[in-house]
N, C-alpha and C. Protein backbone atom coordinates (compact mmCIF):
# COMPACT_ATOMS: atom_id res chain seq x y z
N MET A 1 0.46 -1.61 -0.01
CA MET A 1 0.09 0.18 -0.10
C MET A 1 1.09 1.29 0.03
N SER A 2 0.47 2.02 -0.38
CA SER A 2 0.87 3.18 -0.57
C SER A 2 0.96 4.23 0.70
N TYR A 3 2.49 4.57 0.86
CA TYR A 3 2.43 5.79 1.93
C TYR A 3 1.21 6.69 2.00
N TRP A 4 1.09 7.17 0.66
CA TRP A 4 -0.08 7.84 1.18
C TRP A 4 -1.42 7.75 1.45
N LEU A 5 -1.26 6.38 1.58
CA LEU A 5 -2.73 5.71 1.87
C LEU A 5 -3.05 5.42 3.41
N THR A 6 -1.99 5.67 4.44
CA THR A 6 -1.97 4.93 5.29
C THR A 6 -2.27 6.16 6.48
N GLU A 7 -2.72 5.98 7.52
CA GLU A 7 -2.87 7.31 8.22
C GLU A 7 -1.45 7.73 9.17
N PRO A 8 -1.38 9.28 9.31
CA PRO A 8 -0.16 9.44 9.87
C PRO A 8 -0.11 8.63 10.78
N ARG A 9 1.82 8.36 11.26
CA ARG A 9 1.83 7.33 12.16
C ARG A 9 2.15 8.38 13.29
N GLY A 10 2.67 7.80 14.43
CA GLY A 10 3.27 9.07 15.63
C GLY A 10 4.56 9.38 15.29
N ARG A 11 4.64 10.60 15.89
CA ARG A 11 5.80 11.28 15.51
C ARG A 11 7.09 10.83 16.51
N VAL A 12 7.98 10.47 16.53
CA VAL A 12 9.37 9.56 17.17
C VAL A 12 10.21 10.93 17.26
N ARG A 13 10.74 11.41 18.18
CA ARG A 13 11.67 12.50 18.43
C ARG A 13 12.13 13.57 17.38
N ARG A 14 10.73 14.33 17.61
CA ARG A 14 10.02 15.36 16.69
C ARG A 14 11.52 16.55 16.31
N ARG A 15 12.10 16.87 17.45
CA ARG A 15 12.99 17.69 17.46
C ARG A 15 14.48 16.93 16.11
N VAL A 16 14.19 15.62 16.30
CA VAL A 16 15.46 14.85 15.55
C VAL A 16 14.70 14.84 14.07
N LEU A 17 14.00 14.04 14.29
CA LEU A 17 13.50 13.32 13.21
C LEU A 17 12.19 13.94 12.90
N SER A 18 11.81 14.02 10.95
CA SER A 18 10.90 14.37 10.76
C SER A 18 10.18 13.52 8.99
N SER A 19 9.27 13.47 8.95
CA SER A 19 8.91 13.19 7.32
C SER A 19 10.14 13.76 6.57
N GLU A 20 10.05 15.00 6.49
CA GLU A 20 11.03 15.68 5.58
C GLU A 20 12.49 15.17 5.43
N ALA A 21 13.10 15.34 6.88
CA ALA A 21 13.93 14.43 6.79
C ALA A 21 14.44 13.46 6.30
N LEU A 22 13.17 12.37 6.30
CA LEU A 22 13.51 11.65 6.31
C LEU A 22 13.66 11.22 4.73
N ALA A 23 12.82 12.18 4.06
CA ALA A 23 12.73 12.15 2.41
C ALA A 23 14.15 12.75 1.97
N ASP A 24 14.53 13.94 2.71
CA ASP A 24 16.10 14.29 2.15
C ASP A 24 16.74 13.43 1.97
N ALA A 25 16.93 12.18 2.94
CA ALA A 25 17.90 11.45 3.15
C ALA A 25 17.43 10.43 2.17
N ALA A 26 16.20 10.01 2.15
CA ALA A 26 16.13 8.89 1.08
C ALA A 26 16.61 9.23 -0.44
N VAL A 27 16.39 10.37 -0.85
CA VAL A 27 16.42 10.93 -1.92
C VAL A 27 17.84 11.52 -1.99
N ALA A 28 19.15 11.47 -1.05
CA ALA A 28 20.38 11.81 -1.40
C ALA A 28 20.85 10.53 -1.20
N VAL A 29 20.45 9.25 -0.59
CA VAL A 29 20.68 7.77 -1.17
C VAL A 29 20.58 7.26 -2.36
N LEU A 30 19.54 7.57 -2.77
CA LEU A 30 19.18 7.69 -4.34
C LEU A 30 19.49 7.87 -5.17
N ASP A 31 19.78 9.51 -5.15
CA ASP A 31 20.77 9.79 -6.33
C ASP A 31 22.05 9.34 -6.18
N ARG A 32 22.73 9.33 -5.03
CA ARG A 32 24.10 9.26 -4.93
C ARG A 32 25.10 7.66 -5.03
N GLU A 33 23.81 6.86 -4.78
CA GLU A 33 24.18 5.47 -4.17
C GLU A 33 23.25 4.24 -5.23
N GLY A 34 22.37 4.91 -5.81
CA GLY A 34 21.25 4.13 -6.65
C GLY A 34 20.22 3.63 -5.76
N PRO A 35 19.09 2.95 -6.31
CA PRO A 35 17.97 2.29 -5.75
C PRO A 35 18.40 0.82 -4.79
N GLN A 36 19.27 0.25 -5.26
CA GLN A 36 19.28 -0.85 -4.39
C GLN A 36 20.25 -0.67 -3.30
N ALA A 37 20.83 1.06 -3.00
CA ALA A 37 21.15 1.05 -1.81
C ALA A 37 20.14 1.56 -0.74
N LEU A 38 18.97 1.56 -1.25
CA LEU A 38 18.23 2.65 -0.35
C LEU A 38 17.54 1.40 0.75
N SER A 39 18.08 1.50 1.99
CA SER A 39 17.19 0.78 2.89
C SER A 39 16.99 1.62 4.57
N MET A 40 16.05 0.93 5.42
CA MET A 40 15.97 1.62 6.30
C MET A 40 17.42 1.83 7.22
N ARG A 41 18.32 1.01 7.22
CA ARG A 41 19.35 1.08 7.92
C ARG A 41 20.01 2.44 7.26
N ARG A 42 20.41 2.33 5.76
CA ARG A 42 21.30 3.03 5.65
C ARG A 42 20.76 4.75 5.51
N VAL A 43 19.66 5.02 5.59
CA VAL A 43 18.55 6.34 5.79
C VAL A 43 19.11 6.60 7.05
N ALA A 44 19.04 5.07 8.10
CA ALA A 44 19.37 5.90 9.74
C ALA A 44 20.95 6.38 9.87
N ASP A 45 21.57 5.63 9.09
CA ASP A 45 22.82 6.12 8.92
C ASP A 45 23.20 7.27 8.53
N VAL A 46 22.42 7.58 7.53
CA VAL A 46 22.73 9.33 6.77
C VAL A 46 22.19 10.46 7.94
N LEU A 47 20.89 10.05 8.57
CA LEU A 47 20.41 10.58 9.49
C LEU A 47 21.25 11.17 11.00
N GLY A 48 22.23 9.72 10.89
CA GLY A 48 22.52 9.76 12.14
C GLY A 48 21.73 9.37 13.67
N VAL A 49 20.70 8.35 13.47
CA VAL A 49 19.72 8.04 14.27
C VAL A 49 19.59 6.57 14.44
N ALA A 50 18.70 6.18 15.12
CA ALA A 50 18.88 4.63 15.50
C ALA A 50 17.61 3.81 14.61
N GLN A 51 18.11 2.91 13.66
CA GLN A 51 16.91 2.37 12.44
C GLN A 51 15.68 2.88 13.42
N SER A 52 15.53 2.05 14.59
CA SER A 52 13.79 1.60 14.86
C SER A 52 13.37 2.92 15.13
N SER A 53 13.70 4.49 15.02
CA SER A 53 13.14 5.62 15.25
C SER A 53 12.85 5.66 14.17
N LEU A 54 12.65 5.02 12.91
CA LEU A 54 12.43 5.27 11.74
C LEU A 54 10.83 4.74 11.89
N TYR A 55 10.66 3.72 12.32
CA TYR A 55 9.47 3.08 12.20
C TYR A 55 8.25 3.89 13.20
N GLY A 56 8.31 5.16 13.57
CA GLY A 56 7.16 6.19 13.76
C GLY A 56 6.71 7.02 12.74
N HIS A 57 7.25 6.77 11.72
CA HIS A 57 7.45 7.92 10.70
C HIS A 57 6.68 7.26 9.05
N VAL A 58 7.96 5.73 9.25
CA VAL A 58 7.45 4.76 8.05
C VAL A 58 7.35 3.22 8.07
N ARG A 59 6.63 2.51 7.62
CA ARG A 59 6.49 1.18 7.69
C ARG A 59 7.97 0.41 7.17
N GLY A 60 8.64 0.79 6.32
CA GLY A 60 9.72 0.28 5.15
C GLY A 60 10.18 0.94 4.09
N ARG A 61 10.83 -0.03 3.87
CA ARG A 61 11.57 0.52 2.47
C ARG A 61 10.71 1.37 1.00
N ASP A 62 9.41 0.66 1.13
CA ASP A 62 8.53 0.82 0.01
C ASP A 62 7.99 2.51 0.50
N ASP A 63 8.16 2.62 1.85
CA ASP A 63 7.55 4.21 1.78
C ASP A 63 8.26 5.14 1.86
N LEU A 64 9.54 4.88 2.09
CA LEU A 64 10.73 5.52 1.81
C LEU A 64 10.93 5.60 0.44
N ARG A 65 10.90 4.71 -0.44
CA ARG A 65 10.49 5.35 -2.24
C ARG A 65 9.56 6.11 -2.25
N ASP A 66 8.43 6.41 -1.66
CA ASP A 66 7.12 6.84 -1.58
C ASP A 66 7.63 8.25 -1.40
N LEU A 67 8.15 8.26 -0.37
CA LEU A 67 8.53 9.64 0.21
C LEU A 67 9.36 10.39 -0.48
N ALA A 68 10.44 9.54 -1.11
CA ALA A 68 11.49 10.21 -2.08
C ALA A 68 10.88 10.70 -3.41
N LEU A 69 10.34 9.86 -3.89
CA LEU A 69 9.86 10.40 -5.38
C LEU A 69 8.89 11.39 -5.40
N ASP A 70 7.99 11.90 -4.22
CA ASP A 70 7.10 12.80 -4.17
C ASP A 70 8.14 14.15 -3.91
N HIS A 71 9.09 14.14 -2.79
CA HIS A 71 9.87 15.03 -2.51
C HIS A 71 10.66 15.57 -3.40
N ALA A 72 11.58 14.20 -3.94
CA ALA A 72 12.30 15.13 -5.23
C ALA A 72 11.68 16.02 -6.16
N LEU A 73 10.94 15.40 -6.78
CA LEU A 73 9.41 16.50 -7.50
C LEU A 73 9.17 17.87 -6.63
N GLY A 74 8.64 17.53 -5.70
CA GLY A 74 8.35 18.70 -4.76
C GLY A 74 9.43 19.90 -4.64
N ARG A 75 10.58 19.65 -4.45
CA ARG A 75 11.74 20.33 -4.76
C ARG A 75 11.58 21.61 -6.22
N GLU A 76 11.30 21.11 -7.25
CA GLU A 76 11.26 21.32 -8.39
C GLU A 76 9.93 22.02 -9.53
N LEU A 77 8.78 21.29 -8.20
CA LEU A 77 7.46 21.65 -8.76
C LEU A 77 7.27 22.84 -9.35
N GLU A 78 7.69 23.73 -8.42
CA GLU A 78 7.18 25.25 -8.74
C GLU A 78 7.91 25.65 -9.89
N ARG A 79 9.40 25.30 -9.84
CA ARG A 79 10.19 26.07 -11.07
C ARG A 79 9.55 25.30 -12.37
N LEU A 80 9.00 23.95 -12.20
CA LEU A 80 8.71 23.41 -13.20
C LEU A 80 7.15 23.85 -14.04
N LEU A 81 6.26 24.29 -13.25
CA LEU A 81 5.02 24.35 -13.38
C LEU A 81 5.50 26.44 -14.27
N HIS A 82 6.41 26.65 -13.34
CA HIS A 82 6.52 28.08 -13.65
C HIS A 82 7.07 28.34 -15.58
N ASP A 83 8.09 27.55 -15.42
CA ASP A 83 8.81 27.30 -16.77
C ASP A 83 8.07 26.93 -17.75
N ALA A 84 6.97 25.43 -17.55
CA ALA A 84 6.15 25.03 -18.45
C ALA A 84 5.31 26.40 -19.16
N GLY A 85 4.64 27.80 -18.16
CA GLY A 85 4.12 28.43 -18.66
C GLY A 85 2.75 28.20 -19.46
N GLY A 86 1.98 27.44 -18.73
CA GLY A 86 0.44 26.62 -19.29
C GLY A 86 0.83 26.12 -20.21
N ASP A 87 1.82 25.62 -20.74
CA ASP A 87 1.94 24.72 -22.15
C ASP A 87 2.17 23.13 -21.84
N VAL A 88 1.17 22.19 -22.00
CA VAL A 88 1.11 21.07 -21.81
C VAL A 88 2.89 20.27 -22.37
N VAL A 89 3.12 20.66 -23.26
CA VAL A 89 4.37 20.13 -24.02
C VAL A 89 5.60 20.75 -23.25
N ALA A 90 5.76 21.71 -23.05
CA ALA A 90 6.59 22.30 -22.28
C ALA A 90 6.71 21.53 -20.70
N LEU A 91 5.47 21.16 -20.30
CA LEU A 91 5.25 20.74 -18.90
C LEU A 91 5.74 19.37 -18.91
N ALA A 92 5.83 18.68 -20.22
CA ALA A 92 6.12 17.03 -20.09
C ALA A 92 7.77 17.32 -20.48
N VAL A 93 8.21 17.90 -21.14
CA VAL A 93 9.49 18.09 -21.00
C VAL A 93 10.53 18.75 -19.97
N GLY A 94 9.30 19.46 -19.10
CA GLY A 94 10.13 19.74 -17.99
C GLY A 94 10.54 18.57 -16.59
N TRP A 95 9.14 17.75 -16.98
CA TRP A 95 8.99 16.53 -16.37
C TRP A 95 10.28 15.53 -16.77
N PHE A 96 10.10 15.50 -18.03
CA PHE A 96 11.47 14.45 -18.73
C PHE A 96 12.86 15.24 -17.77
N GLY A 97 13.02 16.14 -17.99
CA GLY A 97 14.25 16.88 -17.09
C GLY A 97 14.64 16.44 -15.91
N HIS A 98 13.46 16.65 -15.19
CA HIS A 98 13.29 16.00 -13.86
C HIS A 98 13.42 14.67 -13.64
N LEU A 99 13.26 13.74 -14.37
CA LEU A 99 13.43 12.32 -14.04
C LEU A 99 14.81 11.59 -14.57
N THR A 100 15.30 12.75 -15.67
CA THR A 100 16.73 12.01 -15.93
C THR A 100 17.62 12.58 -14.84
N ARG A 101 17.53 13.94 -13.91
CA ARG A 101 18.12 14.26 -13.13
C ARG A 101 18.23 13.45 -12.08
N HIS A 102 17.22 12.25 -11.77
CA HIS A 102 16.84 11.50 -10.75
C HIS A 102 16.87 10.29 -11.62
N PRO A 103 17.55 9.65 -11.96
CA PRO A 103 17.55 8.00 -12.84
C PRO A 103 16.26 7.35 -12.05
N TRP A 104 16.59 7.29 -11.03
CA TRP A 104 15.64 6.22 -10.20
C TRP A 104 14.41 6.20 -10.34
N ALA A 105 13.71 7.39 -10.48
CA ALA A 105 12.49 8.11 -10.49
C ALA A 105 11.20 7.49 -11.28
N ALA A 106 11.96 7.36 -12.50
CA ALA A 106 10.78 6.93 -13.27
C ALA A 106 10.70 5.34 -13.72
N PRO A 107 11.70 4.91 -13.53
CA PRO A 107 10.86 3.51 -12.93
C PRO A 107 9.82 3.20 -11.81
N LEU A 108 9.98 4.36 -10.65
CA LEU A 108 8.80 4.21 -9.82
C LEU A 108 7.50 4.62 -10.01
N VAL A 109 7.54 5.82 -11.27
CA VAL A 109 6.31 6.22 -11.65
C VAL A 109 5.67 5.30 -12.42
N LEU A 110 6.18 4.18 -13.05
CA LEU A 110 5.46 3.23 -13.98
C LEU A 110 5.44 2.13 -12.96
N GLU A 111 5.90 1.84 -11.91
CA GLU A 111 5.55 0.70 -10.92
C GLU A 111 4.28 0.61 -10.60
N ARG A 112 4.18 1.92 -9.76
CA ARG A 112 2.48 2.11 -9.27
C ARG A 112 2.50 3.80 -9.23
N THR A 113 1.04 4.48 -9.49
CA THR A 113 0.57 5.58 -9.92
C THR A 113 1.34 6.44 -8.29
N PRO A 114 1.73 6.85 -8.60
CA PRO A 114 2.30 8.20 -7.74
C PRO A 114 0.95 8.82 -6.97
N LEU A 115 1.10 8.90 -5.60
CA LEU A 115 -0.32 9.54 -4.97
C LEU A 115 0.03 10.71 -3.99
N GLY A 116 1.65 11.08 -4.02
CA GLY A 116 1.87 11.82 -3.24
C GLY A 116 1.50 13.33 -3.30
N PRO A 117 1.53 14.30 -2.62
CA PRO A 117 0.82 15.78 -3.07
C PRO A 117 1.48 16.21 -3.93
N SER A 118 3.09 16.28 -4.57
CA SER A 118 3.59 16.99 -5.59
C SER A 118 3.35 16.50 -6.82
N TYR A 119 3.10 15.11 -6.89
CA TYR A 119 2.91 13.88 -8.16
C TYR A 119 1.08 14.23 -8.16
N LEU A 120 0.24 14.81 -7.26
CA LEU A 120 -1.14 14.79 -7.88
C LEU A 120 -1.39 16.25 -8.37
N ALA A 121 -0.42 17.34 -7.79
CA ALA A 121 -0.48 18.93 -8.43
C ALA A 121 0.08 18.52 -9.71
N LEU A 122 1.17 17.73 -10.12
CA LEU A 122 1.20 17.79 -11.79
C LEU A 122 0.38 16.81 -12.17
N ALA A 123 0.09 16.20 -11.75
CA ALA A 123 -1.00 15.01 -12.51
C ALA A 123 -2.76 16.14 -12.58
N ASP A 124 -2.59 16.43 -11.76
CA ASP A 124 -3.61 17.76 -11.85
C ASP A 124 -3.37 18.96 -12.98
N GLU A 125 -2.34 19.29 -13.14
CA GLU A 125 -1.95 20.28 -14.04
C GLU A 125 -1.74 19.69 -15.45
N LEU A 126 -1.15 18.47 -15.60
CA LEU A 126 -1.17 17.59 -16.87
C LEU A 126 -2.68 17.71 -17.66
N CYS A 127 -3.79 17.19 -16.67
CA CYS A 127 -5.11 17.32 -16.82
C CYS A 127 -5.45 18.51 -17.60
N ARG A 128 -5.20 19.28 -16.97
CA ARG A 128 -5.73 20.73 -16.88
C ARG A 128 -5.54 21.43 -18.36
N LEU A 129 -4.42 20.93 -18.59
CA LEU A 129 -3.88 21.43 -19.82
C LEU A 129 -4.08 20.47 -21.15
N LEU A 130 -4.54 19.65 -20.65
CA LEU A 130 -4.96 18.47 -21.62
C LEU A 130 -5.94 18.84 -22.36
N GLY A 131 -6.98 19.53 -20.98
CA GLY A 131 -8.58 20.05 -21.39
C GLY A 131 -8.58 21.86 -22.19
N VAL A 132 -7.35 21.81 -21.60
CA VAL A 132 -7.18 23.62 -22.83
C VAL A 132 -6.96 23.29 -23.78
N ALA A 133 -6.30 21.99 -24.10
CA ALA A 133 -5.64 21.66 -25.84
C ALA A 133 -6.70 21.38 -26.60
N GLY A 134 -7.97 21.06 -25.94
CA GLY A 134 -8.91 20.56 -26.61
C GLY A 134 -8.89 18.79 -26.47
N VAL A 135 -8.13 18.01 -25.67
CA VAL A 135 -8.34 17.03 -25.62
C VAL A 135 -10.48 16.59 -24.72
N PRO A 136 -11.34 15.76 -25.25
CA PRO A 136 -12.22 15.64 -24.93
C PRO A 136 -12.09 15.11 -23.37
N ALA A 137 -13.46 15.82 -22.61
CA ALA A 137 -12.99 14.89 -21.06
C ALA A 137 -12.71 13.89 -21.13
N HIS A 138 -13.47 12.88 -21.98
CA HIS A 138 -13.87 11.57 -21.48
C HIS A 138 -11.96 10.98 -21.70
N ASP A 139 -11.56 11.46 -22.64
CA ASP A 139 -10.11 11.47 -23.15
C ASP A 139 -8.98 11.67 -22.43
N VAL A 140 -9.53 12.80 -20.94
CA VAL A 140 -8.06 13.63 -20.92
C VAL A 140 -7.33 12.72 -19.94
N LEU A 141 -7.97 11.62 -19.19
CA LEU A 141 -7.32 11.08 -18.16
C LEU A 141 -6.54 9.59 -18.85
N GLY A 142 -7.16 9.31 -19.72
CA GLY A 142 -6.07 8.32 -20.55
C GLY A 142 -4.85 8.78 -21.37
N ARG A 143 -5.20 9.91 -22.14
CA ARG A 143 -4.08 10.59 -22.38
C ARG A 143 -3.37 11.06 -21.46
N SER A 144 -3.68 11.78 -20.33
CA SER A 144 -2.23 11.83 -18.95
C SER A 144 -2.06 10.37 -18.84
N TYR A 145 -2.17 9.32 -19.14
CA TYR A 145 -1.80 7.93 -18.54
C TYR A 145 -0.72 7.26 -19.83
N THR A 146 -0.74 7.93 -20.91
CA THR A 146 -0.32 7.54 -21.97
C THR A 146 0.87 8.30 -22.33
N ILE A 147 0.80 9.66 -21.66
CA ILE A 147 1.98 10.90 -21.61
C ILE A 147 3.06 10.65 -20.58
N THR A 148 2.21 9.97 -19.46
CA THR A 148 3.05 9.26 -18.10
C THR A 148 4.05 8.35 -18.82
N ALA A 149 3.50 7.22 -19.72
CA ALA A 149 4.33 6.24 -20.16
C ALA A 149 5.26 6.88 -20.75
N LEU A 150 4.74 7.91 -21.55
CA LEU A 150 5.92 8.24 -22.62
C LEU A 150 7.18 8.88 -21.97
N VAL A 151 6.98 9.85 -20.87
CA VAL A 151 7.77 10.33 -20.32
C VAL A 151 8.76 9.61 -19.22
N ALA A 152 7.96 8.68 -18.53
CA ALA A 152 8.83 7.92 -18.08
C ALA A 152 9.67 6.89 -18.51
N GLY A 153 8.77 6.73 -19.79
CA GLY A 153 9.85 5.41 -20.40
C GLY A 153 10.99 6.16 -21.12
N HIS A 154 10.68 7.42 -21.85
CA HIS A 154 12.17 7.89 -22.75
C HIS A 154 13.04 7.97 -21.38
N ALA A 155 12.48 8.85 -20.28
CA ALA A 155 13.65 8.98 -18.80
C ALA A 155 14.48 7.88 -19.08
N ILE A 156 14.13 6.40 -18.94
CA ILE A 156 14.82 5.31 -18.67
C ILE A 156 15.41 4.93 -19.95
N ALA A 157 14.81 4.84 -21.26
CA ALA A 157 15.75 4.62 -22.20
C ALA A 157 16.73 5.62 -22.39
N TYR A 158 16.83 6.99 -22.03
CA TYR A 158 17.96 8.50 -22.06
C TYR A 158 19.16 7.82 -20.89
N GLU A 159 18.24 7.22 -19.64
CA GLU A 159 19.32 6.85 -18.63
C GLU A 159 20.33 5.46 -19.30
N ASN A 160 19.45 4.85 -19.97
CA ASN A 160 20.50 3.35 -20.62
C ASN A 160 21.20 3.94 -21.61
N ALA A 161 21.42 4.76 -22.49
CA ALA A 161 21.78 5.09 -23.66
C ALA A 161 22.84 5.66 -22.76
N ARG A 162 22.66 6.77 -22.34
CA ARG A 162 23.82 7.47 -21.71
C ARG A 162 24.85 6.36 -20.71
N ASP A 163 24.44 5.59 -20.35
CA ASP A 163 25.61 4.52 -19.51
C ASP A 163 25.79 3.65 -20.28
N SER A 164 27.31 3.70 -20.20
CA SER A 164 27.98 2.88 -20.89
C SER A 164 27.97 1.30 -20.39
N ARG A 165 27.59 1.04 -19.32
CA ARG A 165 27.74 0.07 -18.61
C ARG A 165 26.04 -0.88 -19.02
N ARG A 166 25.14 -0.27 -20.07
CA ARG A 166 24.34 -0.68 -20.67
C ARG A 166 23.87 -0.50 -21.96
N ALA A 167 25.21 -0.74 -22.17
CA ALA A 167 25.02 -0.33 -23.80
C ALA A 167 24.40 -1.94 -24.55
N ASP A 168 24.72 -2.79 -23.74
CA ASP A 168 24.04 -4.28 -24.55
C ASP A 168 22.22 -4.00 -24.64
N LEU A 169 22.18 -3.17 -23.85
CA LEU A 169 20.53 -2.97 -23.79
C LEU A 169 19.92 -2.19 -25.17
N GLY A 170 20.82 -1.60 -26.01
CA GLY A 170 20.20 -0.72 -27.16
C GLY A 170 20.39 -1.39 -28.25
N TYR A 171 19.81 -1.37 -29.71
CA TYR A 171 19.59 -1.68 -30.79
C TYR A 171 21.30 -1.74 -31.47
N GLU A 172 22.38 -0.81 -30.78
CA GLU A 172 23.78 -0.92 -31.33
C GLU A 172 24.42 -2.31 -31.10
N ALA A 173 23.71 -3.04 -30.01
CA ALA A 173 24.53 -4.23 -29.44
C ALA A 173 24.03 -5.61 -30.46
N VAL A 174 23.37 -4.98 -31.74
CA VAL A 174 22.99 -6.57 -32.12
C VAL A 174 23.30 -6.52 -34.36
N GLU A 175 23.22 -7.30 -34.75
CA GLU A 175 23.36 -7.27 -35.87
C GLU A 175 21.96 -6.82 -36.33
N LEU A 176 22.03 -5.35 -37.35
CA LEU A 176 20.55 -5.38 -38.14
C LEU A 176 20.67 -5.47 -39.30
N ALA A 177 21.46 -6.20 -40.18
CA ALA A 177 21.30 -6.32 -41.45
C ALA A 177 20.22 -6.77 -41.99
N SER A 178 19.55 -7.95 -41.10
CA SER A 178 18.40 -8.20 -41.83
C SER A 178 17.18 -7.37 -41.20
N SER A 179 17.37 -6.59 -40.93
CA SER A 179 16.19 -5.21 -40.35
C SER A 179 16.63 -3.77 -40.84
N PRO A 180 16.75 -3.48 -41.93
CA PRO A 180 16.79 -2.56 -42.84
C PRO A 180 16.49 -1.16 -42.09
N HIS A 181 14.89 -1.48 -42.08
CA HIS A 181 14.48 -0.36 -41.98
C HIS A 181 14.53 0.11 -40.37
N LEU A 182 14.68 -0.78 -39.44
CA LEU A 182 15.27 -0.48 -38.23
C LEU A 182 16.68 0.29 -38.25
N ALA A 183 17.08 -0.65 -39.01
CA ALA A 183 18.80 0.03 -38.91
C ALA A 183 18.78 1.57 -39.72
N SER A 184 18.08 1.76 -40.37
CA SER A 184 18.18 3.18 -41.24
C SER A 184 17.44 4.12 -39.83
N ALA A 185 16.88 3.55 -39.09
CA ALA A 185 16.04 4.45 -38.04
C ALA A 185 17.18 4.79 -37.34
N VAL A 186 17.63 3.87 -36.65
CA VAL A 186 18.74 3.74 -35.34
C VAL A 186 19.66 4.86 -36.37
N SER A 187 20.44 4.76 -37.55
CA SER A 187 21.36 5.51 -37.67
C SER A 187 21.01 7.00 -37.84
N GLY A 188 19.50 6.87 -38.63
CA GLY A 188 19.22 8.46 -38.34
C GLY A 188 19.07 9.14 -36.99
N PHE A 189 18.88 8.87 -36.13
CA PHE A 189 18.29 9.03 -34.87
C PHE A 189 19.65 10.06 -34.11
N ALA A 190 18.94 11.23 -34.18
CA ALA A 190 20.10 12.22 -33.49
C ALA A 190 20.53 12.14 -32.15
N GLY A 191 19.59 11.33 -31.19
CA GLY A 191 19.61 11.44 -30.42
C GLY A 191 19.45 12.79 -28.90
N ASP A 192 18.64 13.23 -29.61
CA ASP A 192 17.85 14.69 -28.92
C ASP A 192 16.72 14.05 -28.18
N TRP A 193 16.87 13.62 -27.21
CA TRP A 193 15.48 12.94 -26.46
C TRP A 193 14.59 13.91 -25.65
N PRO A 194 15.23 15.33 -25.59
CA PRO A 194 14.02 15.98 -25.02
C PRO A 194 13.24 16.45 -26.38
N ASP A 195 13.63 16.39 -27.46
CA ASP A 195 12.39 16.60 -28.74
C ASP A 195 11.86 15.55 -29.40
N VAL A 196 12.51 14.33 -28.81
CA VAL A 196 11.44 13.19 -28.94
C VAL A 196 10.37 13.06 -28.33
N VAL A 197 10.75 13.35 -26.95
CA VAL A 197 9.41 13.58 -26.06
C VAL A 197 8.89 14.88 -26.18
N ARG A 198 8.99 15.96 -26.62
CA ARG A 198 8.28 17.24 -26.83
C ARG A 198 7.48 16.81 -28.40
N ARG A 199 8.05 15.96 -29.45
CA ARG A 199 7.07 15.70 -30.62
C ARG A 199 6.32 14.49 -30.08
N GLY A 200 6.35 13.67 -29.35
CA GLY A 200 5.46 12.43 -28.74
C GLY A 200 4.19 13.06 -28.15
N VAL A 201 5.05 14.10 -26.70
CA VAL A 201 3.99 14.40 -26.31
C VAL A 201 2.53 15.80 -27.10
N ALA A 202 2.93 16.31 -27.97
CA ALA A 202 2.31 17.20 -28.89
C ALA A 202 1.62 16.33 -29.65
N SER A 203 1.72 15.19 -30.40
CA SER A 203 1.06 14.55 -30.86
C SER A 203 0.11 14.14 -30.00
N LEU A 204 0.07 13.54 -29.10
CA LEU A 204 -1.00 13.16 -28.35
C LEU A 204 -1.66 14.07 -27.74
N ALA A 205 -1.25 15.38 -27.53
CA ALA A 205 -2.06 16.38 -26.87
C ALA A 205 -3.10 17.38 -28.34
N GLY A 206 -2.24 17.08 -29.71
CA GLY A 206 -2.90 17.44 -30.42
C GLY A 206 -2.49 18.73 -30.72
N VAL A 207 -1.13 19.26 -30.76
CA VAL A 207 -0.68 20.65 -30.35
C VAL A 207 0.47 20.51 -31.25
N PRO A 208 1.10 21.88 -31.91
CA PRO A 208 2.34 21.97 -32.52
C PRO A 208 3.17 21.28 -31.38
N ALA A 209 4.24 21.11 -32.22
CA ALA A 209 5.54 20.56 -31.42
C ALA A 209 6.25 21.83 -31.57
N VAL A 210 5.99 22.76 -31.08
CA VAL A 210 7.46 24.20 -31.10
C VAL A 210 8.47 24.30 -30.19
């Protein structure tokens, strides 16, 4: 169950520990050491507290992931919304940029629907802008899901492409002589990932890709 669907837990050692401090520490671990390093013990070490004290705020690692995902976006949300200027394509490209700065976040977005306040605010604005763009009301949620999959999926693909340790995950790792159309597409790809996102979202929203 998502952290955001549970009743607030008792606050232990309020002077030392808070949900925000937990989220800060979890984001720091994820950014510096990757998702495999995230644990209750590691976050407690970062905070300099006993691991047992964390259980007054979260139930375990999944709650830490929920907190970190929303907290990382919350740090940038105001600027992201401002920079988008009410444009759905710019909003999506800005979100893509956020996800590439936190490579661990995109897989979590696709794993289950983010329900924290920052992600709800982002989803609300995305739905609003799709409506402004002329998407019929009955189709807004479906388009928003598709855009979410596009943005997060491309953020994962971008991370794989830039990580030399994952070179074997791309088309470049195989012989494409028997797939000439795919080979042509691969050789013609300029690697401009934000532009790929821009054009894809514009197509889904039915607006120009400016």
